Amino acid sequence: MNSTKRNKLEAKGWKLGDAQDFLALSDEEMAFIEMKLALSRELKARRLHKHLSQAGFARRINSSQSRVAKMEAGDASVSMDLLIRSLLALGASRKELARFIEQSKRRVA
């Protein structure tokens, strides 16, 4: 948003911020969300790179297509454990997982 528009909105009483401000999230909560989203994005990218459908990948990890969709969307009901195990099933190494998490940290900071 350009500064002129921002100034006009603020002058009219609007408060501008980000999702962290709006939801009153702590830095730790925001970092956790960013890590989960980074892992979710990587999961989808790796699945597509391997030309697997959500249903095909779900069969590979003994899950359902709808669960894979939730994992890729960063749904709150999906555990970090499941995301990490799924990435490992797609061939991600521990070093790569650490890199994805580190990249999410840079976005938050």
C-alpha atoms as a PDB file:
ATOM      1  CA  MET A   1       0.000   0.000   0.000  1.00  0.00           C
ATOM      2  CA  ASN A   2       1.388   3.408  -0.884  1.00  0.00           C
ATOM      3  CA  SER A   3       2.072   5.929   1.877  1.00  0.00           C
ATOM      4  CA  THR A   4      -0.573   8.430   0.701  1.00  0.00           C
ATOM      5  CA  LYS A   5      -3.367   5.885   0.917  1.00  0.00           C
ATOM      6  CA  ARG A   6      -2.045   4.619   4.250  1.00  0.00           C
ATOM      7  CA  ASN A   7      -1.956   8.147   5.692  1.00  0.00           C
ATOM      8  CA  LYS A   8      -5.516   8.853   4.521  1.00  0.00           C
ATOM      9  CA  LEU A   9      -6.821   5.649   6.118  1.00  0.00           C
ATOM     10  CA  GLU A  10      -4.991   6.328   9.379  1.00  0.00           C
ATOM     11  CA  ALA A  11      -6.315   9.908   9.425  1.00  0.00           C
ATOM     12  CA  LYS A  12      -9.858   8.505   9.213  1.00  0.00           C
ATOM     13  CA  GLY A  13      -9.231   6.293  12.249  1.00  0.00           C
ATOM     14  CA  TRP A  14      -8.285   3.026  10.540  1.00  0.00           C
ATOM     15  CA  LYS A  15      -5.600   0.964  12.201  1.00  0.00           C
ATOM     16  CA  LEU A  16      -3.306  -0.876   9.851  1.00  0.00           C
ATOM     17  CA  GLY A  17      -1.335  -3.961  10.755  1.00  0.00           C
ATOM     18  CA  ASP A  18      -0.682  -7.541   9.813  1.00  0.00           C
ATOM     19  CA  ALA A  19      -2.210 -10.886  10.754  1.00  0.00           C
ATOM     20  CA  GLN A  20      -0.062 -11.053  13.878  1.00  0.00           C
ATOM     21  CA  ASP A  21      -1.467  -7.725  15.093  1.00  0.00           C
ATOM     22  CA  PHE A  22      -5.043  -8.588  14.166  1.00  0.00           C
ATOM     23  CA  LEU A  23      -4.982 -11.969  15.905  1.00  0.00           C
ATOM     24  CA  ALA A  24      -2.833 -10.731  18.800  1.00  0.00           C
ATOM     25  CA  LEU A  25      -0.290 -13.496  18.241  1.00  0.00           C
ATOM     26  CA  SER A  26       2.968 -13.649  20.129  1.00  0.00           C
ATOM     27  CA  ASP A  27       6.227 -13.815  18.192  1.00  0.00           C
ATOM     28  CA  GLU A  28       6.470 -17.504  19.119  1.00  0.00           C
ATOM     29  CA  GLU A  29       2.965 -18.251  17.818  1.00  0.00           C
ATOM     30  CA  MET A  30       3.687 -16.404  14.591  1.00  0.00           C
ATOM     31  CA  ALA A  31       6.979 -18.269  14.131  1.00  0.00           C
ATOM     32  CA  PHE A  32       5.187 -21.600  14.633  1.00  0.00           C
ATOM     33  CA  ILE A  33       2.550 -20.695  12.043  1.00  0.00           C
ATOM     34  CA  GLU A  34       5.198 -19.605   9.548  1.00  0.00           C
ATOM     35  CA  MET A  35       7.121 -22.871  10.044  1.00  0.00           C
ATOM     36  CA  LYS A  36       3.964 -24.897   9.462  1.00  0.00           C
ATOM     37  CA  LEU A  37       3.108 -22.947   6.333  1.00  0.00           C
ATOM     38  CA  ALA A  38       6.649 -23.311   4.963  1.00  0.00           C
ATOM     39  CA  LEU A  39       6.493 -27.079   5.472  1.00  0.00           C
ATOM     40  CA  SER A  40       3.018 -27.202   3.895  1.00  0.00           C
ATOM     41  CA  ARG A  41       4.200 -25.303   0.812  1.00  0.00           C
ATOM     42  CA  GLU A  42       7.212 -27.588   0.464  1.00  0.00           C
ATOM     43  CA  LEU A  43       5.048 -30.681   0.821  1.00  0.00           C
ATOM     44  CA  LYS A  44       2.839 -29.584  -2.067  1.00  0.00           C
ATOM     45  CA  ALA A  45       5.818 -28.611  -4.217  1.00  0.00           C
ATOM     46  CA  ARG A  46       7.516 -31.982  -3.671  1.00  0.00           C
ATOM     47  CA  ARG A  47       4.311 -33.940  -4.305  1.00  0.00           C
ATOM     48  CA  LEU A  48       3.747 -32.095  -7.576  1.00  0.00           C
ATOM     49  CA  HIS A  49       7.399 -32.500  -8.578  1.00  0.00           C
ATOM     50  CA  LYS A  50       6.994 -36.265  -8.178  1.00  0.00           C
ATOM     51  CA  HIS A  51       3.792 -36.141 -10.283  1.00  0.00           C
ATOM     52  CA  LEU A  52       1.687 -37.577  -7.463  1.00  0.00           C
ATOM     53  CA  SER A  53      -1.972 -36.754  -6.996  1.00  0.00           C
ATOM     54  CA  GLN A  54      -3.202 -36.017  -3.500  1.00  0.00           C
ATOM     55  CA  ALA A  55      -4.993 -39.373  -3.534  1.00  0.00           C
ATOM     56  CA  GLY A  56      -1.875 -41.196  -4.738  1.00  0.00           C
ATOM     57  CA  PHE A  57       0.276 -39.614  -2.086  1.00  0.00           C
ATOM     58  CA  ALA A  58      -2.368 -40.326   0.561  1.00  0.00           C
ATOM     59  CA  ARG A  59      -2.216 -44.033  -0.312  1.00  0.00           C
ATOM     60  CA  ARG A  60       1.570 -43.938   0.009  1.00  0.00           C
ATOM     61  CA  ILE A  61       1.376 -42.582   3.580  1.00  0.00           C
ATOM     62  CA  ASN A  62      -1.755 -44.545   4.589  1.00  0.00           C
ATOM     63  CA  SER A  63      -3.926 -41.457   4.827  1.00  0.00           C
ATOM     64  CA  SER A  64      -6.784 -39.849   2.908  1.00  0.00           C
ATOM     65  CA  GLN A  65      -6.868 -37.344   0.066  1.00  0.00           C
ATOM     66  CA  SER A  66      -8.727 -34.851   2.254  1.00  0.00           C
ATOM     67  CA  ARG A  67      -5.988 -35.095   4.901  1.00  0.00           C
ATOM     68  CA  VAL A  68      -3.322 -34.384   2.270  1.00  0.00           C
ATOM     69  CA  ALA A  69      -5.349 -31.354   1.135  1.00  0.00           C
ATOM     70  CA  LYS A  70      -5.459 -30.119   4.738  1.00  0.00           C
ATOM     71  CA  MET A  71      -1.713 -30.675   5.100  1.00  0.00           C
ATOM     72  CA  GLU A  72      -1.013 -28.642   1.975  1.00  0.00           C
ATOM     73  CA  ALA A  73      -3.354 -25.861   3.120  1.00  0.00           C
ATOM     74  CA  GLY A  74      -1.631 -25.561   6.496  1.00  0.00           C
ATOM     75  CA  ASP A  75      -4.808 -26.502   8.354  1.00  0.00           C
ATOM     76  CA  ALA A  76      -4.557 -26.077  12.120  1.00  0.00           C
ATOM     77  CA  SER A  77      -5.673 -29.682  12.677  1.00  0.00           C
ATOM     78  CA  VAL A  78      -2.519 -31.001  10.982  1.00  0.00           C
ATOM     79  CA  SER A  79       0.391 -31.732  13.321  1.00  0.00           C
ATOM     80  CA  MET A  80       3.981 -30.775  12.608  1.00  0.00           C
ATOM     81  CA  ASP A  81       4.774 -34.452  13.121  1.00  0.00           C
ATOM     82  CA  LEU A  82       2.571 -35.436  10.191  1.00  0.00           C
ATOM     83  CA  LEU A  83       4.025 -32.724   7.958  1.00  0.00           C
ATOM     84  CA  ILE A  84       7.587 -33.769   8.743  1.00  0.00           C
ATOM     85  CA  ARG A  85       6.898 -37.496   8.326  1.00  0.00           C
ATOM     86  CA  SER A  86       5.183 -36.774   4.998  1.00  0.00           C
ATOM     87  CA  LEU A  87       8.103 -34.705   3.743  1.00  0.00           C
ATOM     88  CA  LEU A  88      10.473 -37.489   4.710  1.00  0.00           C
ATOM     89  CA  ALA A  89       8.258 -39.920   2.770  1.00  0.00           C
ATOM     90  CA  LEU A  90       8.722 -37.660  -0.261  1.00  0.00           C
ATOM     91  CA  GLY A  91      12.502 -37.866   0.103  1.00  0.00           C
ATOM     92  CA  ALA A  92      13.326 -34.730   2.075  1.00  0.00           C
ATOM     93  CA  SER A  93      16.479 -34.970   4.159  1.00  0.00           C
ATOM     94  CA  ARG A  94      16.947 -33.629   7.685  1.00  0.00           C
ATOM     95  CA  LYS A  95      19.165 -30.869   6.291  1.00  0.00           C
ATOM     96  CA  GLU A  96      16.452 -29.862   3.838  1.00  0.00           C
ATOM     97  CA  LEU A  97      13.840 -29.792   6.606  1.00  0.00           C
ATOM     98  CA  ALA A  98      16.124 -27.549   8.649  1.00  0.00           C
ATOM     99  CA  ARG A  99      16.553 -25.265   5.627  1.00  0.00           C
ATOM    100  CA  PHE A 100      12.751 -24.939   5.131  1.00  0.00           C
ATOM    101  CA  ILE A 101      12.338 -24.033   8.785  1.00  0.00           C
ATOM    102  CA  GLU A 102      15.236 -21.573   8.651  1.00  0.00           C
ATOM    103  CA  GLN A 103      13.735 -19.894   5.575  1.00  0.00           C
ATOM    104  CA  SER A 104      10.422 -19.436   7.393  1.00  0.00           C
ATOM    105  CA  LYS A 105      12.330 -17.790  10.267  1.00  0.00           C
ATOM    106  CA  ARG A 106      13.804 -15.205   7.911  1.00  0.00           C
ATOM    107  CA  ARG A 107      10.325 -14.235   6.692  1.00  0.00           C
ATOM    108  CA  VAL A 108       9.116 -13.559  10.232  1.00  0.00           C
ATOM    109  CA  ALA A 109      12.182 -11.634  11.440  1.00  0.00           C
END
